[in-house]
Amino acid sequence: MDLDDNGYLLDAGAWTREFARVAAARDAIELADEHWQVIEFLRDYFAEYGVSPPMRVLVKALAARLNHAPTSRRLYQLFPDGPAKQACKYAGLPKPVSCI
């Protein structure tokens, strides 16, 4: 799989769950159900809108989808390098425009 200099997939269509596991393992993260919920949401969002959501949209949309409100604090526990940025990497999506 072709990656950019920051480890993001160049072709989101080449993504696999194994890619996500390997990318997370590089960061010493073992993906659990909560991680997968976020990753799957991001992939669905990207498929619908063609962009990765910024953090504020991510939190609000996840709350609506999951019928509970995951706090940004919880998302940072799951993805310590930044929920939008790190989760998008594992989801095989481009880095969100709003991320530095």
PDB file of N, CA and C in Angstrom:
ATOM      1  N   MET A   1       0.838  -1.186   0.000  1.00  0.00           N
ATOM      2  CA  MET A   1       0.000   0.000   0.000  1.00  0.00           C
ATOM      3  C   MET A   1       0.877   1.241   0.000  1.00  0.00           C
ATOM      4  N   ASP A   2       0.484   2.198  -0.794  1.00  0.00           N
ATOM      5  CA  ASP A   2       1.248   3.433  -0.897  1.00  0.00           C
ATOM      6  C   ASP A   2       0.793   4.419   0.166  1.00  0.00           C
ATOM      7  N   LEU A   3       1.780   4.974   0.890  1.00  0.00           N
ATOM      8  CA  LEU A   3       1.521   5.927   1.972  1.00  0.00           C
ATOM      9  C   LEU A   3       2.214   7.240   1.677  1.00  0.00           C
ATOM     10  N   ASP A   4       1.677   8.330   2.239  1.00  0.00           N
ATOM     11  CA  ASP A   4       2.382   9.604   2.138  1.00  0.00           C
ATOM     12  C   ASP A   4       3.461   9.650   3.224  1.00  0.00           C
ATOM     13  N   ASP A   5       4.153  10.761   3.332  1.00  0.00           N
ATOM     14  CA  ASP A   5       5.251  10.888   4.298  1.00  0.00           C
ATOM     15  C   ASP A   5       4.799  10.786   5.747  1.00  0.00           C
ATOM     16  N   ASN A   6       3.500  10.998   6.003  1.00  0.00           N
ATOM     17  CA  ASN A   6       2.974  10.937   7.365  1.00  0.00           C
ATOM     18  C   ASN A   6       2.266   9.620   7.680  1.00  0.00           C
ATOM     19  N   GLY A   7       2.307   8.677   6.752  1.00  0.00           N
ATOM     20  CA  GLY A   7       1.712   7.372   6.992  1.00  0.00           C
ATOM     21  C   GLY A   7       0.253   7.241   6.612  1.00  0.00           C
ATOM     22  N   TYR A   8      -0.299   8.226   5.886  1.00  0.00           N
ATOM     23  CA  TYR A   8      -1.685   8.167   5.421  1.00  0.00           C
ATOM     24  C   TYR A   8      -1.725   7.445   4.075  1.00  0.00           C
ATOM     25  N   LEU A   9      -2.744   6.610   3.904  1.00  0.00           N
ATOM     26  CA  LEU A   9      -2.922   5.929   2.625  1.00  0.00           C
ATOM     27  C   LEU A   9      -3.134   6.947   1.513  1.00  0.00           C
ATOM     28  N   LEU A  10      -2.522   6.711   0.373  1.00  0.00           N
ATOM     29  CA  LEU A  10      -2.739   7.593  -0.769  1.00  0.00           C
ATOM     30  C   LEU A  10      -4.039   7.248  -1.487  1.00  0.00           C
ATOM     31  N   ASP A  11      -4.490   6.012  -1.360  1.00  0.00           N
ATOM     32  CA  ASP A  11      -5.734   5.567  -1.988  1.00  0.00           C
ATOM     33  C   ASP A  11      -6.642   4.986  -0.915  1.00  0.00           C
ATOM     34  N   ALA A  12      -7.675   5.741  -0.513  1.00  0.00           N
ATOM     35  CA  ALA A  12      -8.585   5.276   0.537  1.00  0.00           C
ATOM     36  C   ALA A  12      -9.267   3.969   0.158  1.00  0.00           C
ATOM     37  N   GLY A  13      -9.387   3.704  -1.134  1.00  0.00           N
ATOM     38  CA  GLY A  13      -9.993   2.464  -1.591  1.00  0.00           C
ATOM     39  C   GLY A  13      -9.146   1.237  -1.332  1.00  0.00           C
ATOM     40  N   ALA A  14      -7.877   1.427  -1.022  1.00  0.00           N
ATOM     41  CA  ALA A  14      -6.979   0.311  -0.733  1.00  0.00           C
ATOM     42  C   ALA A  14      -7.032  -0.113   0.735  1.00  0.00           C
ATOM     43  N   TRP A  15      -7.821   0.592   1.535  1.00  0.00           N
ATOM     44  CA  TRP A  15      -7.900   0.338   2.965  1.00  0.00           C
ATOM     45  C   TRP A  15      -8.436  -1.056   3.277  1.00  0.00           C
ATOM     46  N   THR A  16      -7.882  -1.643   4.322  1.00  0.00           N
ATOM     47  CA  THR A  16      -8.387  -2.896   4.884  1.00  0.00           C
ATOM     48  C   THR A  16      -8.349  -2.778   6.401  1.00  0.00           C
ATOM     49  N   ARG A  17      -9.118  -3.631   7.052  1.00  0.00           N
ATOM     50  CA  ARG A  17      -9.075  -3.653   8.523  1.00  0.00           C
ATOM     51  C   ARG A  17      -7.667  -4.025   8.994  1.00  0.00           C
ATOM     52  N   GLU A  18      -6.971  -4.842   8.243  1.00  0.00           N
ATOM     53  CA  GLU A  18      -5.602  -5.217   8.618  1.00  0.00           C
ATOM     54  C   GLU A  18      -4.684  -3.999   8.571  1.00  0.00           C
ATOM     55  N   PHE A  19      -4.870  -3.131   7.568  1.00  0.00           N
ATOM     56  CA  PHE A  19      -4.085  -1.899   7.519  1.00  0.00           C
ATOM     57  C   PHE A  19      -4.288  -1.108   8.812  1.00  0.00           C
ATOM     58  N   ALA A  20      -5.560  -0.980   9.233  1.00  0.00           N
ATOM     59  CA  ALA A  20      -5.876  -0.234  10.458  1.00  0.00           C
ATOM     60  C   ALA A  20      -5.171  -0.859  11.658  1.00  0.00           C
ATOM     61  N   ARG A  21      -5.231  -2.171  11.769  1.00  0.00           N
ATOM     62  CA  ARG A  21      -4.574  -2.857  12.898  1.00  0.00           C
ATOM     63  C   ARG A  21      -3.073  -2.607  12.913  1.00  0.00           C
ATOM     64  N   VAL A  22      -2.448  -2.703  11.746  1.00  0.00           N
ATOM     65  CA  VAL A  22      -0.995  -2.505  11.648  1.00  0.00           C
ATOM     66  C   VAL A  22      -0.629  -1.060  11.961  1.00  0.00           C
ATOM     67  N   ALA A  23      -1.376  -0.106  11.397  1.00  0.00           N
ATOM     68  CA  ALA A  23      -1.097   1.311  11.661  1.00  0.00           C
ATOM     69  C   ALA A  23      -1.243   1.621  13.145  1.00  0.00           C
ATOM     70  N   ALA A  24      -2.282   1.080  13.773  1.00  0.00           N
ATOM     71  CA  ALA A  24      -2.488   1.312  15.205  1.00  0.00           C
ATOM     72  C   ALA A  24      -1.386   0.644  16.026  1.00  0.00           C
ATOM     73  N   ALA A  25      -0.990  -0.550  15.638  1.00  0.00           N
ATOM     74  CA  ALA A  25       0.065  -1.260  16.372  1.00  0.00           C
ATOM     75  C   ALA A  25       1.371  -0.464  16.357  1.00  0.00           C
ATOM     76  N   ARG A  26       1.623   0.233  15.258  1.00  0.00           N
ATOM     77  CA  ARG A  26       2.830   1.089  15.183  1.00  0.00           C
ATOM     78  C   ARG A  26       2.796   2.172  16.256  1.00  0.00           C
ATOM     79  N   ASP A  27       1.588   2.551  16.660  1.00  0.00           N
ATOM     80  CA  ASP A  27       1.411   3.563  17.705  1.00  0.00           C
ATOM     81  C   ASP A  27       1.136   2.933  19.066  1.00  0.00           C
ATOM     82  N   ALA A  28       1.355   1.621  19.169  1.00  0.00           N
ATOM     83  CA  ALA A  28       1.128   0.864  20.411  1.00  0.00           C
ATOM     84  C   ALA A  28      -0.331   0.915  20.855  1.00  0.00           C
ATOM     85  N   ILE A  29      -1.241   0.887  19.897  1.00  0.00           N
ATOM     86  CA  ILE A  29      -2.678   0.878  20.183  1.00  0.00           C
ATOM     87  C   ILE A  29      -3.271  -0.412  19.639  1.00  0.00           C
ATOM     88  N   GLU A  30      -4.019  -1.105  20.492  1.00  0.00           N
ATOM     89  CA  GLU A  30      -4.778  -2.270  20.056  1.00  0.00           C
ATOM     90  C   GLU A  30      -6.222  -1.810  19.868  1.00  0.00           C
ATOM     91  N   LEU A  31      -6.720  -1.948  18.658  1.00  0.00           N
ATOM     92  CA  LEU A  31      -8.053  -1.439  18.344  1.00  0.00           C
ATOM     93  C   LEU A  31      -9.143  -2.283  19.001  1.00  0.00           C
ATOM     94  N   ALA A  32     -10.005  -1.597  19.751  1.00  0.00           N
ATOM     95  CA  ALA A  32     -11.144  -2.223  20.427  1.00  0.00           C
ATOM     96  C   ALA A  32     -12.427  -1.760  19.727  1.00  0.00           C
ATOM     97  N   ASP A  33     -13.560  -2.235  20.208  1.00  0.00           N
ATOM     98  CA  ASP A  33     -14.845  -1.895  19.587  1.00  0.00           C
ATOM     99  C   ASP A  33     -15.056  -0.393  19.453  1.00  0.00           C
ATOM    100  N   GLU A  34     -14.708   0.368  20.485  1.00  0.00           N
ATOM    101  CA  GLU A  34     -14.899   1.823  20.418  1.00  0.00           C
ATOM    102  C   GLU A  34     -14.075   2.444  19.295  1.00  0.00           C
ATOM    103  N   HIS A  35     -12.854   1.957  19.118  1.00  0.00           N
ATOM    104  CA  HIS A  35     -12.018   2.453  18.022  1.00  0.00           C
ATOM    105  C   HIS A  35     -12.689   2.168  16.679  1.00  0.00           C
ATOM    106  N   TRP A  36     -13.162   0.932  16.533  1.00  0.00           N
ATOM    107  CA  TRP A  36     -13.774   0.534  15.265  1.00  0.00           C
ATOM    108  C   TRP A  36     -15.028   1.345  14.969  1.00  0.00           C
ATOM    109  N   GLN A  37     -15.801   1.696  15.989  1.00  0.00           N
ATOM    110  CA  GLN A  37     -16.991   2.521  15.773  1.00  0.00           C
ATOM    111  C   GLN A  37     -16.603   3.868  15.166  1.00  0.00           C
ATOM    112  N   VAL A  38     -15.541   4.445  15.688  1.00  0.00           N
ATOM    113  CA  VAL A  38     -15.076   5.737  15.176  1.00  0.00           C
ATOM    114  C   VAL A  38     -14.532   5.569  13.757  1.00  0.00           C
ATOM    115  N   ILE A  39     -13.718   4.559  13.544  1.00  0.00           N
ATOM    116  CA  ILE A  39     -13.122   4.315  12.226  1.00  0.00           C
ATOM    117  C   ILE A  39     -14.212   4.084  11.181  1.00  0.00           C
ATOM    118  N   GLU A  40     -15.181   3.262  11.504  1.00  0.00           N
ATOM    119  CA  GLU A  40     -16.262   2.981  10.560  1.00  0.00           C
ATOM    120  C   GLU A  40     -17.097   4.229  10.290  1.00  0.00           C
ATOM    121  N   PHE A  41     -17.350   5.019  11.323  1.00  0.00           N
ATOM    122  CA  PHE A  41     -18.068   6.278  11.125  1.00  0.00           C
ATOM    123  C   PHE A  41     -17.290   7.172  10.151  1.00  0.00           C
ATOM    124  N   LEU A  42     -15.983   7.304  10.369  1.00  0.00           N
ATOM    125  CA  LEU A  42     -15.168   8.168   9.511  1.00  0.00           C
ATOM    126  C   LEU A  42     -15.204   7.709   8.063  1.00  0.00           C
ATOM    127  N   ARG A  43     -15.134   6.415   7.844  1.00  0.00           N
ATOM    128  CA  ARG A  43     -15.172   5.894   6.474  1.00  0.00           C
ATOM    129  C   ARG A  43     -16.530   6.190   5.823  1.00  0.00           C
ATOM    130  N   ASP A  44     -17.598   6.015   6.595  1.00  0.00           N
ATOM    131  CA  ASP A  44     -18.935   6.312   6.065  1.00  0.00           C
ATOM    132  C   ASP A  44     -19.074   7.802   5.755  1.00  0.00           C
ATOM    133  N   TYR A  45     -18.587   8.645   6.659  1.00  0.00           N
ATOM    134  CA  TYR A  45     -18.672  10.098   6.483  1.00  0.00           C
ATOM    135  C   TYR A  45     -17.900  10.507   5.230  1.00  0.00           C
ATOM    136  N   PHE A  46     -16.702   9.968   5.078  1.00  0.00           N
ATOM    137  CA  PHE A  46     -15.872  10.299   3.920  1.00  0.00           C
ATOM    138  C   PHE A  46     -16.548   9.846   2.628  1.00  0.00           C
ATOM    139  N   ALA A  47     -17.154   8.659   2.648  1.00  0.00           N
ATOM    140  CA  ALA A  47     -17.847   8.150   1.463  1.00  0.00           C
ATOM    141  C   ALA A  47     -19.007   9.065   1.072  1.00  0.00           C
ATOM    142  N   GLU A  48     -19.674   9.634   2.066  1.00  0.00           N
ATOM    143  CA  GLU A  48     -20.829  10.494   1.782  1.00  0.00           C
ATOM    144  C   GLU A  48     -20.431  11.910   1.387  1.00  0.00           C
ATOM    145  N   TYR A  49     -19.440  12.487   2.076  1.00  0.00           N
ATOM    146  CA  TYR A  49     -19.109  13.903   1.882  1.00  0.00           C
ATOM    147  C   TYR A  49     -17.798  14.164   1.138  1.00  0.00           C
ATOM    148  N   GLY A  50     -16.952  13.151   1.012  1.00  0.00           N
ATOM    149  CA  GLY A  50     -15.690  13.322   0.298  1.00  0.00           C
ATOM    150  C   GLY A  50     -14.602  14.027   1.072  1.00  0.00           C
ATOM    151  N   VAL A  51     -14.831  14.251   2.351  1.00  0.00           N
ATOM    152  CA  VAL A  51     -13.835  14.882   3.228  1.00  0.00           C
ATOM    153  C   VAL A  51     -13.885  14.195   4.589  1.00  0.00           C
ATOM    154  N   SER A  52     -12.817  14.358   5.334  1.00  0.00           N
ATOM    155  CA  SER A  52     -12.791  13.878   6.713  1.00  0.00           C
ATOM    156  C   SER A  52     -13.341  14.977   7.607  1.00  0.00           C
ATOM    157  N   PRO A  53     -14.157  14.632   8.604  1.00  0.00           N
ATOM    158  CA  PRO A  53     -14.761  15.684   9.431  1.00  0.00           C
ATOM    159  C   PRO A  53     -13.769  16.299  10.408  1.00  0.00           C
ATOM    160  N   PRO A  54     -13.911  17.588  10.672  1.00  0.00           N
ATOM    161  CA  PRO A  54     -13.112  18.200  11.737  1.00  0.00           C
ATOM    162  C   PRO A  54     -13.606  17.684  13.091  1.00  0.00           C
ATOM    163  N   MET A  55     -12.838  17.901  14.118  1.00  0.00           N
ATOM    164  CA  MET A  55     -13.108  17.351  15.449  1.00  0.00           C
ATOM    165  C   MET A  55     -14.514  17.692  15.951  1.00  0.00           C
ATOM    166  N   ARG A  56     -14.921  18.925  15.850  1.00  0.00           N
ATOM    167  CA  ARG A  56     -16.231  19.345  16.371  1.00  0.00           C
ATOM    168  C   ARG A  56     -17.358  18.565  15.676  1.00  0.00           C
ATOM    169  N   VAL A  57     -17.270  18.415  14.377  1.00  0.00           N
ATOM    170  CA  VAL A  57     -18.267  17.656  13.616  1.00  0.00           C
ATOM    171  C   VAL A  57     -18.202  16.186  13.997  1.00  0.00           C
ATOM    172  N   LEU A  58     -17.012  15.670  14.181  1.00  0.00           N
ATOM    173  CA  LEU A  58     -16.830  14.270  14.560  1.00  0.00           C
ATOM    174  C   LEU A  58     -17.562  13.951  15.863  1.00  0.00           C
ATOM    175  N   VAL A  59     -17.371  14.761  16.882  1.00  0.00           N
ATOM    176  CA  VAL A  59     -18.004  14.526  18.181  1.00  0.00           C
ATOM    177  C   VAL A  59     -19.527  14.600  18.059  1.00  0.00           C
ATOM    178  N   LYS A  60     -20.021  15.636  17.393  1.00  0.00           N
ATOM    179  CA  LYS A  60     -21.465  15.824  17.266  1.00  0.00           C
ATOM    180  C   LYS A  60     -22.105  14.694  16.452  1.00  0.00           C
ATOM    181  N   ALA A  61     -21.506  14.328  15.346  1.00  0.00           N
ATOM    182  CA  ALA A  61     -22.074  13.294  14.481  1.00  0.00           C
ATOM    183  C   ALA A  61     -21.994  11.914  15.125  1.00  0.00           C
ATOM    184  N   LEU A  62     -20.925  11.647  15.842  1.00  0.00           N
ATOM    185  CA  LEU A  62     -20.820  10.365  16.549  1.00  0.00           C
ATOM    186  C   LEU A  62     -21.901  10.239  17.607  1.00  0.00           C
ATOM    187  N   ALA A  63     -22.181  11.317  18.296  1.00  0.00           N
ATOM    188  CA  ALA A  63     -23.226  11.294  19.326  1.00  0.00           C
ATOM    189  C   ALA A  63     -24.571  10.920  18.714  1.00  0.00           C
ATOM    190  N   ALA A  64     -24.861  11.473  17.558  1.00  0.00           N
ATOM    191  CA  ALA A  64     -26.133  11.173  16.888  1.00  0.00           C
ATOM    192  C   ALA A  64     -26.165   9.726  16.400  1.00  0.00           C
ATOM    193  N   ARG A  65     -25.056   9.254  15.889  1.00  0.00           N
ATOM    194  CA  ARG A  65     -25.004   7.903  15.320  1.00  0.00           C
ATOM    195  C   ARG A  65     -25.006   6.815  16.389  1.00  0.00           C
ATOM    196  N   LEU A  66     -24.303   7.056  17.478  1.00  0.00           N
ATOM    197  CA  LEU A  66     -24.121   6.021  18.497  1.00  0.00           C
ATOM    198  C   LEU A  66     -25.143   6.095  19.624  1.00  0.00           C
ATOM    199  N   ASN A  67     -26.021   7.084  19.593  1.00  0.00           N
ATOM    200  CA  ASN A  67     -27.031   7.269  20.630  1.00  0.00           C
ATOM    201  C   ASN A  67     -26.436   7.488  22.020  1.00  0.00           C
ATOM    202  N   HIS A  68     -25.230   7.961  22.056  1.00  0.00           N
ATOM    203  CA  HIS A  68     -24.606   8.423  23.297  1.00  0.00           C
ATOM    204  C   HIS A  68     -23.561   9.453  22.898  1.00  0.00           C
ATOM    205  N   ALA A  69     -23.213  10.272  23.815  1.00  0.00           N
ATOM    206  CA  ALA A  69     -22.306  11.373  23.495  1.00  0.00           C
ATOM    207  C   ALA A  69     -20.882  11.050  23.907  1.00  0.00           C
ATOM    208  N   PRO A  70     -20.047  10.593  22.953  1.00  0.00           N
ATOM    209  CA  PRO A  70     -18.643  10.408  23.298  1.00  0.00           C
ATOM    210  C   PRO A  70     -18.002  11.789  23.441  1.00  0.00           C
ATOM    211  N   THR A  71     -17.367  12.010  24.529  1.00  0.00           N
ATOM    212  CA  THR A  71     -16.756  13.316  24.752  1.00  0.00           C
ATOM    213  C   THR A  71     -15.446  13.411  23.975  1.00  0.00           C
ATOM    214  N   SER A  72     -15.023  14.628  23.735  1.00  0.00           N
ATOM    215  CA  SER A  72     -13.726  14.788  23.075  1.00  0.00           C
ATOM    216  C   SER A  72     -12.624  14.208  23.960  1.00  0.00           C
ATOM    217  N   ARG A  73     -12.818  14.284  25.268  1.00  0.00           N
ATOM    218  CA  ARG A  73     -11.841  13.689  26.192  1.00  0.00           C
ATOM    219  C   ARG A  73     -11.714  12.186  25.958  1.00  0.00           C
ATOM    220  N   ARG A  74     -12.851  11.494  25.811  1.00  0.00           N
ATOM    221  CA  ARG A  74     -12.826  10.047  25.553  1.00  0.00           C
ATOM    222  C   ARG A  74     -12.177   9.744  24.205  1.00  0.00           C
ATOM    223  N   LEU A  75     -12.473  10.562  23.214  1.00  0.00           N
ATOM    224  CA  LEU A  75     -11.864  10.343  21.902  1.00  0.00           C
ATOM    225  C   LEU A  75     -10.348  10.515  21.960  1.00  0.00           C
ATOM    226  N   TYR A  76      -9.878  11.452  22.783  1.00  0.00           N
ATOM    227  CA  TYR A  76      -8.425  11.612  22.961  1.00  0.00           C
ATOM    228  C   TYR A  76      -7.827  10.431  23.721  1.00  0.00           C
ATOM    229  N   GLN A  77      -8.597   9.794  24.574  1.00  0.00           N
ATOM    230  CA  GLN A  77      -8.108   8.581  25.240  1.00  0.00           C
ATOM    231  C   GLN A  77      -7.944   7.450  24.223  1.00  0.00           C
ATOM    232  N   LEU A  78      -8.884   7.368  23.297  1.00  0.00           N
ATOM    233  CA  LEU A  78      -8.818   6.331  22.271  1.00  0.00           C
ATOM    234  C   LEU A  78      -7.724   6.613  21.242  1.00  0.00           C
ATOM    235  N   PHE A  79      -7.602   7.884  20.863  1.00  0.00           N
ATOM    236  CA  PHE A  79      -6.654   8.307  19.821  1.00  0.00           C
ATOM    237  C   PHE A  79      -5.810   9.457  20.358  1.00  0.00           C
ATOM    238  N   PRO A  80      -4.788   9.157  21.160  1.00  0.00           N
ATOM    239  CA  PRO A  80      -4.040  10.191  21.881  1.00  0.00           C
ATOM    240  C   PRO A  80      -3.298  11.207  21.012  1.00  0.00           C
ATOM    241  N   ASP A  81      -3.006  10.884  19.766  1.00  0.00           N
ATOM    242  CA  ASP A  81      -2.320  11.850  18.897  1.00  0.00           C
ATOM    243  C   ASP A  81      -3.299  12.799  18.205  1.00  0.00           C
ATOM    244  N   GLY A  82      -4.558  12.744  18.607  1.00  0.00           N
ATOM    245  CA  GLY A  82      -5.587  13.596  18.025  1.00  0.00           C
ATOM    246  C   GLY A  82      -6.628  12.735  17.343  1.00  0.00           C
ATOM    247  N   PRO A  83      -7.842  12.736  17.864  1.00  0.00           N
ATOM    248  CA  PRO A  83      -8.882  11.839  17.352  1.00  0.00           C
ATOM    249  C   PRO A  83      -9.137  11.962  15.856  1.00  0.00           C
ATOM    250  N   ALA A  84      -9.302  13.152  15.360  1.00  0.00           N
ATOM    251  CA  ALA A  84      -9.598  13.297  13.937  1.00  0.00           C
ATOM    252  C   ALA A  84      -8.399  12.840  13.103  1.00  0.00           C
ATOM    253  N   LYS A  85      -7.227  13.310  13.463  1.00  0.00           N
ATOM    254  CA  LYS A  85      -6.020  13.013  12.694  1.00  0.00           C
ATOM    255  C   LYS A  85      -5.645  11.531  12.767  1.00  0.00           C
ATOM    256  N   GLN A  86      -5.529  10.994  13.949  1.00  0.00           N
ATOM    257  CA  GLN A  86      -5.062   9.620  14.128  1.00  0.00           C
ATOM    258  C   GLN A  86      -6.115   8.608  13.659  1.00  0.00           C
ATOM    259  N   ALA A  87      -7.372   8.853  13.976  1.00  0.00           N
ATOM    260  CA  ALA A  87      -8.429   7.936  13.553  1.00  0.00           C
ATOM    261  C   ALA A  87      -8.558   7.936  12.030  1.00  0.00           C
ATOM    262  N   CYS A  88      -8.405   9.090  11.402  1.00  0.00           N
ATOM    263  CA  CYS A  88      -8.458   9.137   9.938  1.00  0.00           C
ATOM    264  C   CYS A  88      -7.314   8.336   9.326  1.00  0.00           C
ATOM    265  N   LYS A  89      -6.161   8.392   9.947  1.00  0.00           N
ATOM    266  CA  LYS A  89      -5.030   7.611   9.446  1.00  0.00           C
ATOM    267  C   LYS A  89      -5.380   6.125   9.484  1.00  0.00           C
ATOM    268  N   TYR A  90      -5.915   5.655  10.602  1.00  0.00           N
ATOM    269  CA  TYR A  90      -6.268   4.241  10.725  1.00  0.00           C
ATOM    270  C   TYR A  90      -7.406   3.877   9.779  1.00  0.00           C
ATOM    271  N   ALA A  91      -8.274   4.834   9.484  1.00  0.00           N
ATOM    272  CA  ALA A  91      -9.407   4.603   8.588  1.00  0.00           C
ATOM    273  C   ALA A  91      -8.988   4.673   7.117  1.00  0.00           C
ATOM    274  N   GLY A  92      -7.724   4.984   6.869  1.00  0.00           N
ATOM    275  CA  GLY A  92      -7.227   5.040   5.502  1.00  0.00           C
ATOM    276  C   GLY A  92      -7.644   6.290   4.760  1.00  0.00           C
ATOM    277  N   LEU A  93      -7.961   7.350   5.502  1.00  0.00           N
ATOM    278  CA  LEU A  93      -8.454   8.582   4.909  1.00  0.00           C
ATOM    279  C   LEU A  93      -7.399   9.681   4.962  1.00  0.00           C
ATOM    280  N   PRO A  94      -7.564  10.713   4.151  1.00  0.00           N
ATOM    281  CA  PRO A  94      -6.620  11.833   4.212  1.00  0.00           C
ATOM    282  C   PRO A  94      -6.691  12.541   5.561  1.00  0.00           C
ATOM    283  N   LYS A  95      -5.601  13.168   5.919  1.00  0.00           N
ATOM    284  CA  LYS A  95      -5.594  13.963   7.153  1.00  0.00           C
ATOM    285  C   LYS A  95      -6.617  15.077   7.000  1.00  0.00           C
ATOM    286  N   PRO A  96      -7.461  15.277   8.028  1.00  0.00           N
ATOM    287  CA  PRO A  96      -8.461  16.346   7.943  1.00  0.00           C
ATOM    288  C   PRO A  96      -7.810  17.703   7.700  1.00  0.00           C
ATOM    289  N   VAL A  97      -8.451  18.507   6.910  1.00  0.00           N
ATOM    290  CA  VAL A  97      -7.926  19.826   6.542  1.00  0.00           C
ATOM    291  C   VAL A  97      -7.694  20.681   7.778  1.00  0.00           C
ATOM    292  N   SER A  98      -8.534  20.521   8.790  1.00  0.00           N
ATOM    293  CA  SER A  98      -8.430  21.355   9.986  1.00  0.00           C
ATOM    294  C   SER A  98      -7.279  20.961  10.895  1.00  0.00           C
ATOM    295  N   CYS A  99      -6.613  19.836  10.627  1.00  0.00           N
ATOM    296  CA  CYS A  99      -5.502  19.386  11.476  1.00  0.00           C
ATOM    297  C   CYS A  99      -4.195  19.992  10.993  1.00  0.00           C
ATOM    298  N   ILE A 100      -3.378  20.339  11.951  1.00  0.00           N
ATOM    299  CA  ILE A 100      -2.070  20.934  11.652  1.00  0.00           C
ATOM    300  C   ILE A 100      -1.089  19.846  11.311  1.00  0.00           C
TER     301      ILE A 100
END
